[in-house]
Protein backbone atom coordinates (compact mmCIF):
# COMPACT_ATOMS: atom_id res chain seq x y z
CA MET A 1 110.08 146.60 102.76
CA ILE A 2 111.50 146.69 99.20
CA GLU A 3 115.16 147.56 98.54
CA VAL A 4 116.54 147.49 95.01
CA GLN A 5 120.17 148.40 94.35
CA GLY A 6 121.85 148.44 90.93
CA LEU A 7 119.40 145.97 89.40
CA VAL A 8 120.38 144.73 85.93
CA LYS A 9 118.67 142.13 83.74
CA ARG A 10 120.13 141.12 80.40
CA TYR A 11 118.79 138.77 77.75
CA GLY A 12 121.87 138.07 75.66
CA ALA A 13 122.99 141.39 74.22
CA TYR A 14 119.71 143.12 75.18
CA THR A 15 119.54 144.95 78.53
CA ALA A 16 115.95 145.07 79.79
CA VAL A 17 116.77 146.62 83.19
CA ASP A 18 119.82 148.83 83.47
CA GLY A 19 120.95 149.74 86.99
CA LEU A 20 117.65 150.39 88.80
CA SER A 21 117.79 151.49 92.45
CA PHE A 22 114.72 152.34 94.53
CA THR A 23 112.93 151.55 97.80
CA ALA A 24 109.35 151.20 98.98
CA SER A 25 108.43 151.68 102.63
CA LYS A 26 105.79 149.99 104.76
CA GLY A 27 102.28 151.25 103.97
CA GLU A 28 103.38 153.01 100.78
CA ILE A 29 101.88 152.65 97.30
CA VAL A 30 104.61 153.10 94.71
CA GLY A 31 103.74 153.29 91.01
CA LEU A 32 105.97 152.05 88.22
CA LEU A 33 105.28 154.06 85.10
CA GLY A 34 106.84 153.78 81.68
CA PRO A 35 106.21 152.99 78.01
CA ASN A 36 105.94 149.42 76.71
CA GLY A 37 109.31 147.69 76.96
CA ALA A 38 110.59 150.02 79.68
CA GLY A 39 111.40 147.14 82.05
CA LYS A 40 108.46 147.37 84.49
CA THR A 41 107.26 143.78 84.22
CA THR A 42 110.80 142.39 84.26
CA THR A 43 111.50 144.30 87.48
CA MET A 44 108.33 142.93 89.08
CA ARG A 45 109.15 139.37 88.07
CA ILE A 46 112.58 139.66 89.68
CA LEU A 47 111.04 141.04 92.88
CA THR A 48 108.71 138.05 93.12
CA GLY A 49 111.47 135.49 92.56
CA PHE A 50 110.02 134.53 89.18
CA MET A 51 113.37 135.18 87.47
CA PRO A 52 116.90 135.96 88.71
CA PRO A 53 118.68 139.27 88.15
CA THR A 54 121.86 139.45 86.12
CA GLU A 55 123.43 141.92 88.54
CA GLY A 56 122.45 143.91 91.60
CA SER A 57 120.78 143.36 94.94
CA VAL A 58 117.05 142.94 95.60
CA LYS A 59 115.60 142.52 99.09
CA VAL A 60 111.98 142.14 100.17
CA CYS A 61 111.21 142.41 103.89
CA GLY A 62 114.94 142.03 104.53
CA TYR A 63 115.29 138.79 102.53
CA ASP A 64 117.41 138.53 99.40
CA VAL A 65 115.42 137.29 96.38
CA GLN A 66 118.23 134.95 95.33
CA GLU A 67 119.52 133.68 98.67
CA ASP A 68 116.11 133.50 100.43
CA SER A 69 113.69 133.07 97.54
CA ILE A 70 111.21 130.95 99.52
CA GLU A 71 111.01 133.52 102.35
CA VAL A 72 110.47 136.30 99.81
CA ARG A 73 107.62 134.40 98.14
CA ARG A 74 105.91 133.85 101.48
CA ARG A 75 105.82 137.61 102.01
CA VAL A 76 104.79 138.70 98.51
CA GLY A 77 101.41 138.63 96.82
CA TYR A 78 101.73 138.90 93.04
CA MET A 79 99.07 139.64 90.46
CA PRO A 80 100.63 139.44 86.98
CA GLU A 81 99.16 141.22 83.98
CA ARG A 82 97.68 137.91 82.84
CA VAL A 83 96.69 135.79 85.82
CA PRO A 84 97.13 132.05 85.07
CA PHE A 85 93.63 130.79 85.83
CA TYR A 86 92.46 127.19 85.70
CA PRO A 87 89.13 127.62 83.86
CA ASP A 88 87.56 124.36 85.08
CA MET A 89 88.19 125.09 88.76
CA THR A 90 85.58 126.79 90.88
CA VAL A 91 86.30 130.19 92.39
CA GLU A 92 86.57 128.71 95.87
CA ALA A 93 88.79 125.79 94.82
CA PHE A 94 91.17 128.14 92.99
CA ILE A 95 91.67 130.39 96.01
CA ARG A 96 92.00 127.45 98.40
CA PHE A 97 94.58 125.91 96.05
CA TRP A 98 96.68 129.09 96.24
CA ALA A 99 96.24 129.30 100.01
CA ARG A 100 97.56 125.75 100.47
CA LEU A 101 100.34 126.28 97.93
CA ARG A 102 101.60 129.17 100.05
CA GLY A 103 101.27 127.26 103.31
CA THR A 104 98.57 129.59 104.63
CA PRO A 105 97.41 128.58 108.14
CA ASN A 106 93.75 127.49 108.18
CA ALA A 107 93.37 127.66 104.39
CA PRO A 108 89.54 127.19 104.40
CA ARG A 109 89.07 130.17 106.71
CA ALA A 110 91.56 132.33 104.82
CA THR A 111 89.77 131.44 101.57
CA ALA A 112 86.35 132.38 102.97
CA GLU A 113 87.67 135.70 104.30
CA VAL A 114 89.31 136.80 101.04
CA LEU A 115 86.28 135.75 98.96
CA ASP A 116 84.10 137.87 101.23
CA ARG A 117 86.57 140.77 101.00
CA PHE A 118 86.27 140.83 97.21
CA GLU A 119 82.54 140.06 97.13
CA LEU A 120 83.02 136.66 95.50
CA THR A 121 81.31 134.52 98.13
CA GLY A 122 78.11 134.26 96.09
CA ARG A 123 80.13 132.91 93.16
CA ARG A 124 82.35 130.51 95.09
CA LYS A 125 80.91 127.40 93.33
CA GLN A 126 81.01 128.99 89.86
CA LEU A 127 83.55 127.78 87.28
CA ILE A 128 86.19 130.36 86.47
CA ARG A 129 85.53 130.00 82.73
CA HIS A 130 82.10 131.57 83.27
CA LEU A 131 83.39 134.71 85.04
CA SER A 132 83.48 138.12 83.38
CA LYS A 133 86.80 139.93 82.91
CA GLY A 134 86.04 142.18 85.87
CA LEU A 135 85.30 139.24 88.17
CA LYS A 136 88.49 137.52 87.05
CA GLN A 137 90.43 140.63 88.01
CA ARG A 138 88.87 140.47 91.48
CA LEU A 139 89.77 136.79 91.68
CA GLY A 140 93.34 137.63 90.69
CA LEU A 141 93.54 140.14 93.53
CA ALA A 142 92.05 137.59 95.92
CA GLN A 143 94.70 134.97 95.10
CA ALA A 144 97.43 137.58 95.60
CA LEU A 145 96.12 138.46 99.08
CA VAL A 146 94.83 135.15 100.49
CA HIS A 147 98.01 134.59 102.53
CA GLN A 148 98.04 138.17 103.90
CA PRO A 149 101.41 139.16 102.37
CA GLU A 150 103.39 142.13 103.61
CA VAL A 151 104.17 143.23 100.05
CA VAL A 152 101.68 143.26 97.14
CA ILE A 153 102.90 143.57 93.55
CA LEU A 154 100.29 144.37 90.91
CA ASP A 155 101.09 144.44 87.20
CA GLU A 156 98.43 146.36 85.23
CA PRO A 157 95.51 145.28 87.49
CA THR A 158 92.90 147.33 85.59
CA ILE A 159 93.77 146.33 82.04
CA GLY A 160 90.81 145.26 79.92
CA ILE A 161 87.99 146.05 82.36
CA ASP A 162 85.18 148.59 82.11
CA PRO A 163 85.25 152.05 83.80
CA VAL A 164 83.06 150.99 86.73
CA GLN A 165 85.30 148.01 87.47
CA VAL A 166 88.39 150.21 87.11
CA ILE A 167 87.07 152.43 89.91
CA GLU A 168 86.38 149.37 92.08
CA VAL A 169 89.89 148.00 91.60
CA ARG A 170 91.42 151.44 92.17
CA GLU A 171 89.57 151.82 95.47
CA THR A 172 90.66 148.34 96.50
CA VAL A 173 94.30 149.16 95.79
CA GLN A 174 94.07 152.37 97.81
CA ARG A 175 92.76 150.41 100.79
CA LEU A 176 95.66 147.97 100.64
CA LYS A 177 98.12 150.51 102.06
CA ASP A 178 96.51 150.09 105.50
CA GLN A 179 98.12 146.64 105.80
CA HIS A 180 100.53 146.23 102.88
CA THR A 181 103.30 147.83 100.87
CA VAL A 182 102.14 148.03 97.25
CA LEU A 183 104.12 148.19 94.02
CA PHE A 184 101.69 149.09 91.28
CA SER A 185 102.27 149.18 87.53
CA SER A 186 99.93 150.87 85.09
CA HIS A 187 100.00 152.53 81.68
CA ILE A 188 97.06 154.77 82.66
CA LEU A 189 98.64 158.02 83.87
CA SER A 190 95.57 159.40 85.64
CA GLU A 191 95.23 156.12 87.54
CA VAL A 192 98.79 156.23 88.83
CA GLU A 193 98.32 159.88 89.79
CA GLN A 194 95.21 159.07 91.85
CA VAL A 195 96.38 155.84 93.49
CA CYS A 196 100.11 156.17 94.19
CA ASP A 197 101.96 157.99 96.97
CA ARG A 198 105.12 158.02 94.88
CA VAL A 199 105.89 157.43 91.21
CA ILE A 200 108.96 155.92 89.57
CA ILE A 201 109.18 156.66 85.84
CA ILE A 202 111.24 154.13 83.87
CA ASN A 203 112.45 154.34 80.28
CA LYS A 204 114.72 151.82 78.54
CA GLY A 205 115.40 150.08 81.84
CA ARG A 206 116.51 153.21 83.68
CA ILE A 207 114.83 155.55 86.15
CA VAL A 208 114.30 158.96 84.55
CA GLY A 209 112.13 160.49 87.29
CA GLU A 210 111.01 159.72 90.83
CA GLY A 211 108.87 161.44 93.48
CA THR A 212 105.30 162.30 94.34
CA PRO A 213 103.14 163.29 91.36
CA GLU A 214 103.03 166.85 92.69
CA ALA A 215 106.79 167.08 93.23
CA LEU A 216 107.50 165.68 89.77
CA ALA A 217 105.18 168.23 88.20
CA LYS A 218 106.97 171.12 89.94
CA ARG A 219 110.44 169.80 89.24
CA PHE A 220 110.15 168.65 85.66
CA ALA A 221 107.45 170.80 84.06
CA GLN A 222 109.22 172.70 81.29
CA THR A 223 106.35 174.97 80.31
CA GLN A 224 104.15 177.45 82.10
CA GLN A 225 100.47 177.01 81.33
CA VAL A 226 97.64 179.52 81.74
CA PHE A 227 93.96 178.96 81.03
CA ILE A 228 92.07 181.98 79.69
CA VAL A 229 88.56 182.76 78.54
CA VAL A 230 88.52 185.57 75.95
CA GLN A 231 85.75 187.14 73.86
CA GLY A 232 85.72 189.68 71.05
CA ALA A 233 86.96 187.75 68.03
CA ALA A 234 86.67 184.39 66.32
CA PRO A 235 88.59 181.54 68.02
CA SER A 236 91.00 181.22 65.09
CA ALA A 237 91.77 184.96 65.28
CA ILE A 238 92.33 184.83 69.06
CA ILE A 239 94.68 181.84 68.73
CA GLY A 240 96.55 183.57 65.91
CA LYS A 241 97.06 186.76 67.93
CA LEU A 242 98.22 184.94 71.07
CA LYS A 243 100.72 182.78 69.18
CA HIS A 244 102.62 185.90 68.09
CA LEU A 245 103.48 186.84 71.69
CA PRO A 246 107.14 186.28 72.67
CA LYS A 247 107.91 182.91 74.32
CA ILE A 248 104.38 181.54 73.69
CA THR A 249 104.99 177.94 72.61
CA ASP A 250 101.41 176.76 72.10
CA VAL A 251 97.79 177.95 72.19
CA ARG A 252 94.97 175.43 71.93
CA PRO A 253 91.23 175.36 72.68
CA MET A 254 90.29 173.96 76.10
CA ASP A 255 86.73 173.76 77.43
CA ALA A 256 85.22 177.24 76.89
CA GLY A 257 88.60 178.97 76.55
CA TYR A 258 92.21 178.44 75.61
CA LEU A 259 95.29 176.84 77.16
CA VAL A 260 98.32 179.06 76.63
CA SER A 261 101.79 177.50 77.08
CA SER A 262 104.97 179.51 77.52
CA SER A 263 108.67 178.74 77.89
CA ASP A 264 109.10 181.82 80.11
CA THR A 265 109.92 181.08 83.76
CA ALA A 266 108.44 184.43 84.89
CA ASP A 267 104.69 184.81 85.39
CA ILE A 268 103.22 185.55 81.95
CA ARG A 269 99.78 186.65 83.20
CA PRO A 270 100.49 190.43 83.45
CA ALA A 271 101.87 190.60 79.89
CA LEU A 272 99.09 188.35 78.63
CA SER A 273 96.33 190.48 80.16
CA ARG A 274 97.89 193.72 78.79
CA PHE A 275 98.13 192.22 75.31
CA ILE A 276 94.52 191.03 75.36
CA ALA A 277 93.33 194.51 76.39
CA SER A 278 95.48 196.20 73.72
CA GLU A 279 93.87 194.02 71.06
CA GLY A 280 90.38 195.17 72.13
CA LEU A 281 89.45 191.72 73.44
CA THR A 282 87.56 191.00 76.68
CA LEU A 283 89.28 188.82 79.29
CA LEU A 284 86.68 186.89 81.32
CA GLU A 285 88.92 184.42 83.16
CA MET A 286 92.61 183.70 83.71
CA ARG A 287 94.22 181.07 85.95
CA PRO A 288 97.46 179.05 86.05
CA VAL A 289 97.25 175.35 85.22
CA ASP A 290 99.61 172.96 87.00
CA ALA A 291 101.51 170.44 84.91
CA SER A 292 99.89 167.01 84.96
CA LEU A 293 101.67 163.69 85.36
CA GLU A 294 101.08 163.22 81.64
CA ASP A 295 103.06 166.41 80.90
CA VAL A 296 105.89 165.22 83.14
CA PHE A 297 105.87 161.71 81.66
CA LEU A 298 106.04 162.92 78.06
CA SER A 299 108.75 165.45 78.92
CA LEU A 300 110.95 162.84 80.64
CA ILE A 301 110.45 160.12 78.04
CA GLU A 302 111.06 162.45 75.11
CA GLY A 303 114.10 163.90 76.87
CA ALA A 304 115.57 160.45 77.45
CA GLN A 305 115.14 159.55 73.77
CA ARG A 306 117.05 162.56 72.47
């Protein structure tokens, strides 16, 4: 559904996107993850036909974004980070306007269906200027989906809304994969981890990591982490003792115990348990902790900046 090969975007001497290549299949939710200025939004704008690439090939549903821009736009629903609302339009008029702009068959019916889908029917006569941030986000999703696009591109769809609304939007995005291919950008790592089937990590316009969150954690985690609960000494004393073990890179409090990090590739639990016993401490719990997407992200970004 989405095919990107050697994508480059330059602004004068500045290269915002530097040779990106990736694909997204039908029914897949792919997350674009990266720090500010990584090139995520620029990539999305090129995919939607909003701006041309400097180099490379971009196809959506088999159509080239430069040679068949109109066909691409018919098949893409785009929700930018800041949706350009018309504050003095009603909710219904705004969606119907977008439906007609995209040549949607039976625009009134399509408008009614998408308003119902996002629970906006009761507010259809309300002016947009009077909507809360959360309702505006729903409206932004509605305009992106009113023409039933094959590909949906969402740039930071949960930015600036409260936790309850974040959950609502997240659940909506997860349901989209039943009928759409979704490219989803977010700066919230836990959100990407929960929503996306596959993650593409971008830094300085280049891909530095790609795969499922689980596969990335296994492949790129550079430390081994073990959670332990220990009694028999003050927390500061326990941390001090553990830090003196060979290849222990960090010990920090976590919940009711401690998270021990090691650079050793071998299982550190046997040596750790022997050491705790030799120090006269009592080990109540010990379990490995998988690397999170946050660990992977920080490792890849820091590695790319060296």
